Amino acid sequence: MPRGDKSSYTDKQKRQAKHIEEGYEKRGVSEDEAKRRAWATENKISGGGKKSDSGNGSRKP
């Protein structure tokens, strides 16, 4: 997966990043910088793209 590929994000994560981006643009940040900051913020909130559920710590007896 190339750098910057957003295909591994959920629709909710993409929507949240778009709203964050709009907020930055409202404050006068350039479009490119707003997009970069929005995805950095979303990654901090959610921990990145979709996660597999395989290592969730619960064991089956």
PDB file of N, CA and C in Angstrom:
ATOM      1  N   MET A   1       0.846  -1.175   0.000  1.00  0.00           N
ATOM      2  CA  MET A   1       0.000   0.000   0.000  1.00  0.00           C
ATOM      3  C   MET A   1       0.895   1.242   0.000  1.00  0.00           C
ATOM      4  N   PRO A   2       0.702   2.118  -0.983  1.00  0.00           N
ATOM      5  CA  PRO A   2       1.524   3.322  -1.040  1.00  0.00           C
ATOM      6  C   PRO A   2       1.219   4.274   0.106  1.00  0.00           C
ATOM      7  N   ARG A   3       2.190   5.080   0.399  1.00  0.00           N
ATOM      8  CA  ARG A   3       2.013   6.067   1.453  1.00  0.00           C
ATOM      9  C   ARG A   3       0.892   7.036   1.100  1.00  0.00           C
ATOM     10  N   GLY A   4       0.058   7.357   2.058  1.00  0.00           N
ATOM     11  CA  GLY A   4      -1.033   8.284   1.807  1.00  0.00           C
ATOM     12  C   GLY A   4      -2.310   7.612   1.348  1.00  0.00           C
ATOM     13  N   ASP A   5      -2.286   6.291   1.178  1.00  0.00           N
ATOM     14  CA  ASP A   5      -3.474   5.553   0.746  1.00  0.00           C
ATOM     15  C   ASP A   5      -4.457   5.475   1.909  1.00  0.00           C
ATOM     16  N   LYS A   6      -5.685   5.917   1.677  1.00  0.00           N
ATOM     17  CA  LYS A   6      -6.687   5.963   2.749  1.00  0.00           C
ATOM     18  C   LYS A   6      -7.681   4.809   2.668  1.00  0.00           C
ATOM     19  N   SER A   7      -7.408   3.794   1.839  1.00  0.00           N
ATOM     20  CA  SER A   7      -8.359   2.707   1.644  1.00  0.00           C
ATOM     21  C   SER A   7      -8.538   1.837   2.884  1.00  0.00           C
ATOM     22  N   SER A   8      -7.589   1.864   3.803  1.00  0.00           N
ATOM     23  CA  SER A   8      -7.704   1.026   4.991  1.00  0.00           C
ATOM     24  C   SER A   8      -8.474   1.702   6.128  1.00  0.00           C
ATOM     25  N   TYR A   9      -9.044   2.861   5.864  1.00  0.00           N
ATOM     26  CA  TYR A   9      -9.821   3.574   6.877  1.00  0.00           C
ATOM     27  C   TYR A   9     -11.300   3.285   6.710  1.00  0.00           C
ATOM     28  N   THR A  10     -12.033   3.295   7.816  1.00  0.00           N
ATOM     29  CA  THR A  10     -13.480   3.095   7.759  1.00  0.00           C
ATOM     30  C   THR A  10     -14.144   4.365   7.252  1.00  0.00           C
ATOM     31  N   ASP A  11     -15.404   4.232   6.843  1.00  0.00           N
ATOM     32  CA  ASP A  11     -16.149   5.408   6.392  1.00  0.00           C
ATOM     33  C   ASP A  11     -16.260   6.436   7.510  1.00  0.00           C
ATOM     34  N   LYS A  12     -16.431   5.959   8.738  1.00  0.00           N
ATOM     35  CA  LYS A  12     -16.544   6.877   9.875  1.00  0.00           C
ATOM     36  C   LYS A  12     -15.252   7.671  10.056  1.00  0.00           C
ATOM     37  N   GLN A  13     -14.111   7.001   9.942  1.00  0.00           N
ATOM     38  CA  GLN A  13     -12.833   7.686  10.085  1.00  0.00           C
ATOM     39  C   GLN A  13     -12.640   8.723   8.979  1.00  0.00           C
ATOM     40  N   LYS A  14     -13.053   8.385   7.762  1.00  0.00           N
ATOM     41  CA  LYS A  14     -12.941   9.329   6.648  1.00  0.00           C
ATOM     42  C   LYS A  14     -13.833  10.541   6.878  1.00  0.00           C
ATOM     43  N   ARG A  15     -15.069  10.312   7.369  1.00  0.00           N
ATOM     44  CA  ARG A  15     -15.989  11.425   7.657  1.00  0.00           C
ATOM     45  C   ARG A  15     -15.426  12.330   8.734  1.00  0.00           C
ATOM     46  N   GLN A  16     -14.882  11.723   9.798  1.00  0.00           N
ATOM     47  CA  GLN A  16     -14.322  12.518  10.886  1.00  0.00           C
ATOM     48  C   GLN A  16     -13.151  13.355  10.399  1.00  0.00           C
ATOM     49  N   ALA A  17     -12.294  12.778   9.581  1.00  0.00           N
ATOM     50  CA  ALA A  17     -11.141  13.524   9.052  1.00  0.00           C
ATOM     51  C   ALA A  17     -11.617  14.694   8.198  1.00  0.00           C
ATOM     52  N   LYS A  18     -12.680  14.495   7.423  1.00  0.00           N
ATOM     53  CA  LYS A  18     -13.209  15.575   6.587  1.00  0.00           C
ATOM     54  C   LYS A  18     -13.727  16.721   7.454  1.00  0.00           C
ATOM     55  N   HIS A  19     -14.438  16.394   8.533  1.00  0.00           N
ATOM     56  CA  HIS A  19     -14.946  17.428   9.438  1.00  0.00           C
ATOM     57  C   HIS A  19     -13.803  18.172  10.127  1.00  0.00           C
ATOM     58  N   ILE A  20     -12.789  17.448  10.528  1.00  0.00           N
ATOM     59  CA  ILE A  20     -11.621  18.068  11.167  1.00  0.00           C
ATOM     60  C   ILE A  20     -10.942  19.006  10.161  1.00  0.00           C
ATOM     61  N   GLU A  21     -10.806  18.532   8.925  1.00  0.00           N
ATOM     62  CA  GLU A  21     -10.186  19.340   7.867  1.00  0.00           C
ATOM     63  C   GLU A  21     -10.957  20.645   7.646  1.00  0.00           C
ATOM     64  N   GLU A  22     -12.272  20.550   7.606  1.00  0.00           N
ATOM     65  CA  GLU A  22     -13.094  21.746   7.416  1.00  0.00           C
ATOM     66  C   GLU A  22     -12.889  22.742   8.555  1.00  0.00           C
ATOM     67  N   GLY A  23     -12.741  22.230   9.766  1.00  0.00           N
ATOM     68  CA  GLY A  23     -12.500  23.099  10.910  1.00  0.00           C
ATOM     69  C   GLY A  23     -11.184  23.848  10.798  1.00  0.00           C
ATOM     70  N   TYR A  24     -10.141  23.152  10.344  1.00  0.00           N
ATOM     71  CA  TYR A  24      -8.846  23.810  10.150  1.00  0.00           C
ATOM     72  C   TYR A  24      -8.947  24.874   9.061  1.00  0.00           C
ATOM     73  N   GLU A  25      -9.648  24.562   7.968  1.00  0.00           N
ATOM     74  CA  GLU A  25      -9.782  25.526   6.874  1.00  0.00           C
ATOM     75  C   GLU A  25     -10.542  26.767   7.329  1.00  0.00           C
ATOM     76  N   LYS A  26     -11.534  26.573   8.191  1.00  0.00           N
ATOM     77  CA  LYS A  26     -12.292  27.709   8.731  1.00  0.00           C
ATOM     78  C   LYS A  26     -11.389  28.649   9.516  1.00  0.00           C
ATOM     79  N   ARG A  27     -10.363  28.077  10.136  1.00  0.00           N
ATOM     80  CA  ARG A  27      -9.434  28.880  10.930  1.00  0.00           C
ATOM     81  C   ARG A  27      -8.330  29.514  10.092  1.00  0.00           C
ATOM     82  N   GLY A  28      -8.387  29.305   8.772  1.00  0.00           N
ATOM     83  CA  GLY A  28      -7.430  29.967   7.899  1.00  0.00           C
ATOM     84  C   GLY A  28      -6.224  29.134   7.501  1.00  0.00           C
ATOM     85  N   VAL A  29      -6.225  27.848   7.794  1.00  0.00           N
ATOM     86  CA  VAL A  29      -5.112  26.979   7.405  1.00  0.00           C
ATOM     87  C   VAL A  29      -5.306  26.609   5.931  1.00  0.00           C
ATOM     88  N   SER A  30      -4.224  26.526   5.169  1.00  0.00           N
ATOM     89  CA  SER A  30      -4.327  26.182   3.750  1.00  0.00           C
ATOM     90  C   SER A  30      -4.934  24.789   3.584  1.00  0.00           C
ATOM     91  N   GLU A  31      -5.490  24.532   2.392  1.00  0.00           N
ATOM     92  CA  GLU A  31      -6.191  23.270   2.138  1.00  0.00           C
ATOM     93  C   GLU A  31      -5.277  22.050   2.332  1.00  0.00           C
ATOM     94  N   ASP A  32      -4.071  22.096   1.772  1.00  0.00           N
ATOM     95  CA  ASP A  32      -3.137  20.967   1.902  1.00  0.00           C
ATOM     96  C   ASP A  32      -2.729  20.733   3.357  1.00  0.00           C
ATOM     97  N   GLU A  33      -2.417  21.810   4.048  1.00  0.00           N
ATOM     98  CA  GLU A  33      -2.014  21.692   5.448  1.00  0.00           C
ATOM     99  C   GLU A  33      -3.178  21.219   6.307  1.00  0.00           C
ATOM    100  N   ALA A  34      -4.390  21.685   6.001  1.00  0.00           N
ATOM    101  CA  ALA A  34      -5.574  21.259   6.755  1.00  0.00           C
ATOM    102  C   ALA A  34      -5.799  19.759   6.588  1.00  0.00           C
ATOM    103  N   LYS A  35      -5.627  19.257   5.366  1.00  0.00           N
ATOM    104  CA  LYS A  35      -5.807  17.828   5.100  1.00  0.00           C
ATOM    105  C   LYS A  35      -4.767  17.013   5.867  1.00  0.00           C
ATOM    106  N   ARG A  36      -3.513  17.478   5.834  1.00  0.00           N
ATOM    107  CA  ARG A  36      -2.433  16.768   6.541  1.00  0.00           C
ATOM    108  C   ARG A  36      -2.707  16.715   8.039  1.00  0.00           C
ATOM    109  N   ARG A  37      -3.081  17.872   8.588  1.00  0.00           N
ATOM    110  CA  ARG A  37      -3.363  17.939  10.030  1.00  0.00           C
ATOM    111  C   ARG A  37      -4.579  17.095  10.401  1.00  0.00           C
ATOM    112  N   ALA A  38      -5.592  17.116   9.532  1.00  0.00           N
ATOM    113  CA  ALA A  38      -6.811  16.358   9.816  1.00  0.00           C
ATOM    114  C   ALA A  38      -6.519  14.870   9.920  1.00  0.00           C
ATOM    115  N   TRP A  39      -5.728  14.332   8.994  1.00  0.00           N
ATOM    116  CA  TRP A  39      -5.413  12.901   9.047  1.00  0.00           C
ATOM    117  C   TRP A  39      -4.487  12.579  10.222  1.00  0.00           C
ATOM    118  N   ALA A  40      -3.593  13.485  10.555  1.00  0.00           N
ATOM    119  CA  ALA A  40      -2.734  13.272  11.728  1.00  0.00           C
ATOM    120  C   ALA A  40      -3.584  13.229  12.995  1.00  0.00           C
ATOM    121  N   THR A  41      -4.567  14.123  13.063  1.00  0.00           N
ATOM    122  CA  THR A  41      -5.464  14.160  14.224  1.00  0.00           C
ATOM    123  C   THR A  41      -6.300  12.901  14.284  1.00  0.00           C
ATOM    124  N   GLU A  42      -6.847  12.474  13.146  1.00  0.00           N
ATOM    125  CA  GLU A  42      -7.673  11.253  13.105  1.00  0.00           C
ATOM    126  C   GLU A  42      -6.840  10.034  13.506  1.00  0.00           C
ATOM    127  N   ASN A  43      -5.600   9.966  13.039  1.00  0.00           N
ATOM    128  CA  ASN A  43      -4.734   8.850  13.426  1.00  0.00           C
ATOM    129  C   ASN A  43      -4.490   8.841  14.932  1.00  0.00           C
ATOM    130  N   LYS A  44      -4.336  10.011  15.513  1.00  0.00           N
ATOM    131  CA  LYS A  44      -4.107  10.087  16.955  1.00  0.00           C
ATOM    132  C   LYS A  44      -5.354   9.629  17.714  1.00  0.00           C
ATOM    133  N   ILE A  45      -6.538  10.024  17.221  1.00  0.00           N
ATOM    134  CA  ILE A  45      -7.793   9.654  17.880  1.00  0.00           C
ATOM    135  C   ILE A  45      -8.048   8.149  17.767  1.00  0.00           C
ATOM    136  N   SER A  46      -7.943   7.620  16.547  1.00  0.00           N
ATOM    137  CA  SER A  46      -8.376   6.243  16.291  1.00  0.00           C
ATOM    138  C   SER A  46      -7.234   5.228  16.264  1.00  0.00           C
ATOM    139  N   GLY A  47      -6.017   5.693  16.192  1.00  0.00           N
ATOM    140  CA  GLY A  47      -4.892   4.766  16.120  1.00  0.00           C
ATOM    141  C   GLY A  47      -4.588   4.298  14.707  1.00  0.00           C
ATOM    142  N   GLY A  48      -5.129   4.939  13.694  1.00  0.00           N
ATOM    143  CA  GLY A  48      -4.831   4.582  12.308  1.00  0.00           C
ATOM    144  C   GLY A  48      -5.991   3.896  11.625  1.00  0.00           C
ATOM    145  N   GLY A  49      -5.691   3.150  10.546  1.00  0.00           N
ATOM    146  CA  GLY A  49      -6.722   2.490   9.745  1.00  0.00           C
ATOM    147  C   GLY A  49      -7.389   1.347  10.476  1.00  0.00           C
ATOM    148  N   LYS A  50      -8.147   0.546   9.717  1.00  0.00           N
ATOM    149  CA  LYS A  50      -8.866  -0.592  10.289  1.00  0.00           C
ATOM    150  C   LYS A  50      -7.882  -1.533  10.963  1.00  0.00           C
ATOM    151  N   LYS A  51      -8.304  -2.095  12.053  1.00  0.00           N
ATOM    152  CA  LYS A  51      -7.468  -3.049  12.766  1.00  0.00           C
ATOM    153  C   LYS A  51      -8.103  -4.432  12.672  1.00  0.00           C
ATOM    154  N   SER A  52      -7.285  -5.459  12.532  1.00  0.00           N
ATOM    155  CA  SER A  52      -7.828  -6.812  12.568  1.00  0.00           C
ATOM    156  C   SER A  52      -8.188  -7.130  14.011  1.00  0.00           C
ATOM    157  N   ASP A  53      -9.082  -8.035  14.190  1.00  0.00           N
ATOM    158  CA  ASP A  53      -9.551  -8.367  15.537  1.00  0.00           C
ATOM    159  C   ASP A  53      -8.798  -9.571  16.101  1.00  0.00           C
ATOM    160  N   SER A  54      -7.738  -9.999  15.417  1.00  0.00           N
ATOM    161  CA  SER A  54      -7.069 -11.237  15.799  1.00  0.00           C
ATOM    162  C   SER A  54      -6.285 -11.148  17.090  1.00  0.00           C
ATOM    163  N   GLY A  55      -5.786  -9.995  17.456  1.00  0.00           N
ATOM    164  CA  GLY A  55      -4.959  -9.895  18.646  1.00  0.00           C
ATOM    165  C   GLY A  55      -5.620  -9.124  19.756  1.00  0.00           C
ATOM    166  N   ASN A  56      -6.906  -9.347  19.973  1.00  0.00           N
ATOM    167  CA  ASN A  56      -7.635  -8.510  20.914  1.00  0.00           C
ATOM    168  C   ASN A  56      -7.455  -8.915  22.379  1.00  0.00           C
ATOM    169  N   GLY A  57      -6.686  -9.976  22.638  1.00  0.00           N
ATOM    170  CA  GLY A  57      -6.385 -10.325  24.019  1.00  0.00           C
ATOM    171  C   GLY A  57      -7.336 -11.322  24.663  1.00  0.00           C
ATOM    172  N   SER A  58      -8.459 -11.606  24.042  1.00  0.00           N
ATOM    173  CA  SER A  58      -9.369 -12.587  24.640  1.00  0.00           C
ATOM    174  C   SER A  58      -9.022 -13.975  24.130  1.00  0.00           C
ATOM    175  N   ARG A  59      -8.964 -14.913  25.059  1.00  0.00           N
ATOM    176  CA  ARG A  59      -8.613 -16.276  24.676  1.00  0.00           C
ATOM    177  C   ARG A  59      -9.823 -17.187  24.813  1.00  0.00           C
ATOM    178  N   LYS A  60      -9.902 -18.128  23.929  1.00  0.00           N
ATOM    179  CA  LYS A  60     -10.957 -19.136  24.042  1.00  0.00           C
ATOM    180  C   LYS A  60     -10.344 -20.367  24.675  1.00  0.00           C
ATOM    181  N   PRO A  61     -11.008 -20.944  25.663  1.00  0.00           N
ATOM    182  CA  PRO A  61     -10.436 -22.123  26.338  1.00  0.00           C
ATOM    183  C   PRO A  61     -10.350 -23.339  25.464  1.00  0.00           C
TER     184      PRO A  61
END
